[in-house]
Amino acid sequence: MNEQRVLSRVTTGMRVVDVAGSEIGTVDLVQRDDPNAVTVQAPTTDPGSSLNELIEATAVEEPDVPADLAARLRHSGYLKVSTDRVRTGAVYVPADQIAAVTDAVRLEVPLADLPAEE
């Protein structure tokens, strides 16, 4: 798939530029596709009372977005981009919204179209 070839050329720390040429931030995480990531399941266990169990139960998994969007991102692959241009400090870029990878990751969409980390 073309998106996966594009993702394979992205490395952490690369600059990310939106469709207008505005710098958004830098790549924090590159996640390749997982074709089996099509369903979302709620936790099935009670976190228990130990500190370690509580930490594991509250740990945030990537991507930190609503469950339906997270499943789509995991299925197709995505980038997590650190940025000071959104309140939460990060946005996610679906693999199919990457236009090119050169000296920077160039997107097909503006920053406003990217889902922010929750």
Protein backbone atom coordinates (compact mmCIF):
# COMPACT_ATOMS: atom_id res chain seq x y z
CA MET A 1 0.00 0.00 0.00
CA ASN A 2 1.30 3.49 -0.88
CA GLU A 3 0.57 4.94 2.59
CA GLN A 4 2.80 2.32 4.18
CA ARG A 5 5.70 3.16 1.85
CA VAL A 6 5.28 6.80 2.80
CA LEU A 7 5.16 5.97 6.53
CA SER A 8 8.33 3.89 6.21
CA ARG A 9 10.21 7.05 5.14
CA VAL A 10 9.12 9.06 8.19
CA THR A 11 11.30 9.18 11.30
CA THR A 12 10.74 10.73 14.71
CA GLY A 13 11.91 14.32 14.93
CA MET A 14 11.04 15.19 11.32
CA ARG A 15 9.32 18.53 10.72
CA VAL A 16 5.66 18.42 9.68
CA VAL A 17 4.19 21.02 7.32
CA ASP A 18 0.50 21.40 6.47
CA VAL A 19 -1.03 21.93 3.00
CA ALA A 20 -0.52 25.71 3.25
CA GLY A 21 3.19 25.28 4.00
CA SER A 22 2.84 26.25 7.68
CA GLU A 23 5.05 24.30 10.05
CA ILE A 24 2.91 22.31 12.50
CA GLY A 25 5.54 20.63 14.67
CA THR A 26 7.66 17.48 14.74
CA VAL A 27 6.95 13.76 14.47
CA ASP A 28 6.76 12.18 17.91
CA LEU A 29 5.54 8.70 16.89
CA VAL A 30 5.23 6.71 13.66
CA GLN A 31 2.69 3.90 13.81
CA ARG A 32 2.39 1.57 10.84
CA ASP A 33 -0.94 0.01 9.92
CA ASP A 34 -2.52 -2.89 11.77
CA PRO A 35 -5.18 -4.45 9.51
CA ASN A 36 -6.57 -6.39 12.50
CA ALA A 37 -7.30 -3.21 14.49
CA VAL A 38 -10.91 -2.87 13.40
CA THR A 39 -12.75 -3.32 16.66
CA VAL A 40 -12.71 -1.49 19.94
CA GLN A 41 -13.11 -3.37 23.21
CA ALA A 42 -13.74 -1.96 26.65
CA PRO A 43 -11.54 -3.16 29.52
CA THR A 44 -12.87 -6.39 30.98
CA THR A 45 -11.13 -6.35 34.36
CA ASP A 46 -11.47 -4.30 37.49
CA PRO A 47 -8.25 -2.38 38.15
CA GLY A 48 -7.91 -3.78 41.68
CA SER A 49 -6.33 -1.96 44.56
CA SER A 50 -2.56 -2.10 44.11
CA LEU A 51 -0.71 0.94 42.80
CA ASN A 52 0.69 -0.97 39.79
CA GLU A 53 -2.78 -2.20 38.81
CA LEU A 54 -4.14 1.33 39.12
CA ILE A 55 -1.33 2.76 36.95
CA GLU A 56 -1.91 0.11 34.28
CA ALA A 57 -5.67 0.76 34.29
CA THR A 58 -5.24 4.51 33.81
CA ALA A 59 -2.33 4.42 31.35
CA VAL A 60 -3.17 6.18 28.10
CA GLU A 61 -2.79 4.09 24.98
CA GLU A 62 -1.98 5.63 21.64
CA PRO A 63 -3.70 7.17 19.89
CA ASP A 64 -5.41 9.20 22.59
CA VAL A 65 -8.60 10.04 20.68
CA PRO A 66 -12.20 8.71 20.78
CA ALA A 67 -12.35 4.91 20.39
CA ASP A 68 -13.85 4.83 16.87
CA LEU A 69 -11.20 7.22 15.52
CA ALA A 70 -8.44 5.34 17.38
CA ALA A 71 -9.48 2.10 15.69
CA ARG A 72 -9.41 3.75 12.25
CA LEU A 73 -5.98 5.29 12.90
CA ARG A 74 -4.55 1.97 14.11
CA HIS A 75 -6.00 0.19 11.09
CA SER A 76 -4.51 2.58 8.51
CA GLY A 77 -1.38 3.83 10.31
CA TYR A 78 -0.69 7.35 11.58
CA LEU A 79 1.77 9.90 12.90
CA LYS A 80 1.60 11.63 16.25
CA VAL A 81 2.91 15.18 15.88
CA SER A 82 4.04 17.31 18.82
CA THR A 83 2.93 20.89 18.35
CA ASP A 84 2.46 24.07 20.32
CA ARG A 85 -0.36 25.11 17.99
CA VAL A 86 -3.08 23.10 19.78
CA ARG A 87 -4.03 23.16 23.44
CA THR A 88 -3.26 19.48 24.07
CA GLY A 89 0.23 19.62 22.53
CA ALA A 90 -0.23 16.94 19.87
CA VAL A 91 -2.25 16.02 16.78
CA TYR A 92 -2.61 12.79 14.81
CA VAL A 93 -2.05 12.50 11.06
CA PRO A 94 -3.74 9.57 9.29
CA ALA A 95 -1.33 7.96 6.82
CA ASP A 96 -3.59 8.80 3.86
CA GLN A 97 -3.25 12.54 4.59
CA ILE A 98 0.51 12.59 3.98
CA ALA A 99 1.25 14.14 0.58
CA ALA A 100 5.03 13.63 0.53
CA VAL A 101 8.08 12.94 2.63
CA THR A 102 11.11 15.03 1.65
CA ASP A 103 13.10 17.17 4.06
CA ALA A 104 9.82 17.33 6.00
CA VAL A 105 6.51 15.50 6.16
CA ARG A 106 4.15 17.43 3.90
CA LEU A 107 0.42 17.04 4.47
CA GLU A 108 -2.61 17.23 2.16
CA VAL A 109 -4.71 18.99 4.81
CA PRO A 110 -4.54 22.04 7.11
CA LEU A 111 -3.81 21.71 10.82
CA ALA A 112 -7.47 22.42 11.61
CA ASP A 113 -8.48 19.11 9.94
CA LEU A 114 -6.24 16.97 12.18
CA PRO A 115 -7.61 15.33 15.33
CA ALA A 116 -5.98 16.64 18.51
CA GLU A 117 -4.81 14.41 21.33
CA GLU A 118 -7.36 14.29 24.15
